[in-house]
Amino acid sequence: MAKGKKSKVVHTKENKKGGTSFFQDNPITRYLKETRAEMAKVTWPTRDEAIRLTGVVLAVTAGMAVFLGVVDTVFSTLFRLIVGT
């Protein structure tokens, strides 16, 4: 252990019988609980916002596809002219 660093101690709640519960220490269960808590904090878009933003994504994707197609055609033509194929 590095000098000056303390080890992390995980405290668990005891169940009614005086022991600790497996599910309180289980990292998967803890992850799922924390994920659920974070998802509750999310501000979800309205249906209209989601539709509008989906349209923007599709338009930008189509625009970039056309742009890259044109650039590819131009460079292919220039390459053929230079190489002489």
C-alpha atoms as a PDB file:
ATOM      1  CA  MET A   1       0.000   0.000   0.000  1.00  0.00           C
ATOM      2  CA  ALA A   2       1.286   3.474  -0.825  1.00  0.00           C
ATOM      3  CA  LYS A   3       2.576   5.570   2.036  1.00  0.00           C
ATOM      4  CA  GLY A   4       0.025   8.007   3.396  1.00  0.00           C
ATOM      5  CA  LYS A   5      -2.978   6.300   1.812  1.00  0.00           C
ATOM      6  CA  LYS A   6      -5.617   4.684   3.951  1.00  0.00           C
ATOM      7  CA  SER A   7      -7.467   1.564   2.945  1.00  0.00           C
ATOM      8  CA  LYS A   8     -11.133   1.985   2.171  1.00  0.00           C
ATOM      9  CA  VAL A   9     -13.409   0.338   4.704  1.00  0.00           C
ATOM     10  CA  VAL A  10     -16.865  -0.649   3.534  1.00  0.00           C
ATOM     11  CA  HIS A  11     -19.459  -0.575   6.281  1.00  0.00           C
ATOM     12  CA  THR A  12     -22.481  -2.778   5.834  1.00  0.00           C
ATOM     13  CA  LYS A  13     -25.823  -2.744   7.523  1.00  0.00           C
ATOM     14  CA  GLU A  14     -26.590  -5.722   9.669  1.00  0.00           C
ATOM     15  CA  ASN A  15     -29.717  -7.689   9.006  1.00  0.00           C
ATOM     16  CA  LYS A  16     -32.165  -8.749  11.735  1.00  0.00           C
ATOM     17  CA  LYS A  17     -30.141 -11.856  12.584  1.00  0.00           C
ATOM     18  CA  GLY A  18     -26.990  -9.846  13.263  1.00  0.00           C
ATOM     19  CA  GLY A  19     -25.160 -10.805  10.058  1.00  0.00           C
ATOM     20  CA  THR A  20     -24.512  -8.819   6.912  1.00  0.00           C
ATOM     21  CA  SER A  21     -26.536  -9.229   3.766  1.00  0.00           C
ATOM     22  CA  PHE A  22     -24.831 -10.477   0.604  1.00  0.00           C
ATOM     23  CA  PHE A  23     -26.805  -8.017  -1.525  1.00  0.00           C
ATOM     24  CA  GLN A  24     -25.548  -4.954   0.342  1.00  0.00           C
ATOM     25  CA  ASP A  25     -21.921  -5.767  -0.491  1.00  0.00           C
ATOM     26  CA  ASN A  26     -22.540  -7.108  -3.983  1.00  0.00           C
ATOM     27  CA  PRO A  27     -20.979  -4.665  -6.500  1.00  0.00           C
ATOM     28  CA  ILE A  28     -23.496  -5.548  -9.217  1.00  0.00           C
ATOM     29  CA  THR A  29     -26.456  -4.821  -6.950  1.00  0.00           C
ATOM     30  CA  ARG A  30     -24.842  -1.564  -5.811  1.00  0.00           C
ATOM     31  CA  TYR A  31     -24.196  -0.591  -9.436  1.00  0.00           C
ATOM     32  CA  LEU A  32     -27.808  -1.267 -10.416  1.00  0.00           C
ATOM     33  CA  LYS A  33     -29.166   0.731  -7.467  1.00  0.00           C
ATOM     34  CA  GLU A  34     -26.890   3.682  -8.239  1.00  0.00           C
ATOM     35  CA  THR A  35     -27.799   3.515 -11.922  1.00  0.00           C
ATOM     36  CA  ARG A  36     -31.501   3.549 -11.097  1.00  0.00           C
ATOM     37  CA  ALA A  37     -30.998   6.565  -8.822  1.00  0.00           C
ATOM     38  CA  GLU A  38     -29.097   8.434 -11.563  1.00  0.00           C
ATOM     39  CA  MET A  39     -31.735   7.603 -14.189  1.00  0.00           C
ATOM     40  CA  ALA A  40     -34.379   9.136 -11.940  1.00  0.00           C
ATOM     41  CA  LYS A  41     -32.450  12.432 -12.071  1.00  0.00           C
ATOM     42  CA  VAL A  42     -32.432  12.578 -15.880  1.00  0.00           C
ATOM     43  CA  THR A  43     -34.519  15.248 -17.591  1.00  0.00           C
ATOM     44  CA  TRP A  44     -36.004  13.399 -20.534  1.00  0.00           C
ATOM     45  CA  PRO A  45     -36.971  15.287 -23.723  1.00  0.00           C
ATOM     46  CA  THR A  46     -40.605  15.658 -24.647  1.00  0.00           C
ATOM     47  CA  ARG A  47     -41.996  13.705 -27.581  1.00  0.00           C
ATOM     48  CA  ASP A  48     -41.858  16.804 -29.826  1.00  0.00           C
ATOM     49  CA  GLU A  49     -38.233  17.512 -28.861  1.00  0.00           C
ATOM     50  CA  ALA A  50     -37.250  13.898 -29.524  1.00  0.00           C
ATOM     51  CA  ILE A  51     -38.897  13.947 -32.965  1.00  0.00           C
ATOM     52  CA  ARG A  52     -37.295  17.291 -33.864  1.00  0.00           C
ATOM     53  CA  LEU A  53     -33.838  16.209 -32.708  1.00  0.00           C
ATOM     54  CA  THR A  54     -34.165  12.890 -34.558  1.00  0.00           C
ATOM     55  CA  GLY A  55     -34.947  14.858 -37.719  1.00  0.00           C
ATOM     56  CA  VAL A  56     -31.842  16.999 -37.174  1.00  0.00           C
ATOM     57  CA  VAL A  57     -29.666  13.894 -36.755  1.00  0.00           C
ATOM     58  CA  LEU A  58     -31.097  12.283 -39.906  1.00  0.00           C
ATOM     59  CA  ALA A  59     -30.659  15.511 -41.924  1.00  0.00           C
ATOM     60  CA  VAL A  60     -27.037  15.950 -40.812  1.00  0.00           C
ATOM     61  CA  THR A  61     -26.314  12.281 -41.543  1.00  0.00           C
ATOM     62  CA  ALA A  62     -27.828  12.537 -45.039  1.00  0.00           C
ATOM     63  CA  GLY A  63     -25.974  15.808 -45.691  1.00  0.00           C
ATOM     64  CA  MET A  64     -22.652  14.314 -44.636  1.00  0.00           C
ATOM     65  CA  ALA A  65     -23.278  11.219 -46.780  1.00  0.00           C
ATOM     66  CA  VAL A  66     -23.862  13.406 -49.854  1.00  0.00           C
ATOM     67  CA  PHE A  67     -20.841  15.584 -49.038  1.00  0.00           C
ATOM     68  CA  LEU A  68     -18.534  12.592 -48.572  1.00  0.00           C
ATOM     69  CA  GLY A  69     -19.899  11.010 -51.770  1.00  0.00           C
ATOM     70  CA  VAL A  70     -19.074  14.162 -53.732  1.00  0.00           C
ATOM     71  CA  VAL A  71     -15.598  14.416 -52.188  1.00  0.00           C
ATOM     72  CA  ASP A  72     -14.954  10.734 -52.965  1.00  0.00           C
ATOM     73  CA  THR A  73     -16.035  11.208 -56.582  1.00  0.00           C
ATOM     74  CA  VAL A  74     -13.825  14.285 -56.993  1.00  0.00           C
ATOM     75  CA  PHE A  75     -10.767  12.581 -55.519  1.00  0.00           C
ATOM     76  CA  SER A  76     -11.389   9.392 -57.534  1.00  0.00           C
ATOM     77  CA  THR A  77     -11.588  11.427 -60.743  1.00  0.00           C
ATOM     78  CA  LEU A  78      -8.429  13.393 -59.887  1.00  0.00           C
ATOM     79  CA  PHE A  79      -6.577  10.176 -59.035  1.00  0.00           C
ATOM     80  CA  ARG A  80      -7.621   8.594 -62.366  1.00  0.00           C
ATOM     81  CA  LEU A  81      -6.454  11.687 -64.247  1.00  0.00           C
ATOM     82  CA  ILE A  82      -3.084  11.744 -62.455  1.00  0.00           C
ATOM     83  CA  VAL A  83      -2.380   8.013 -62.736  1.00  0.00           C
ATOM     84  CA  GLY A  84      -3.895   7.747 -66.230  1.00  0.00           C
ATOM     85  CA  THR A  85      -5.920   4.579 -65.689  1.00  0.00           C
END
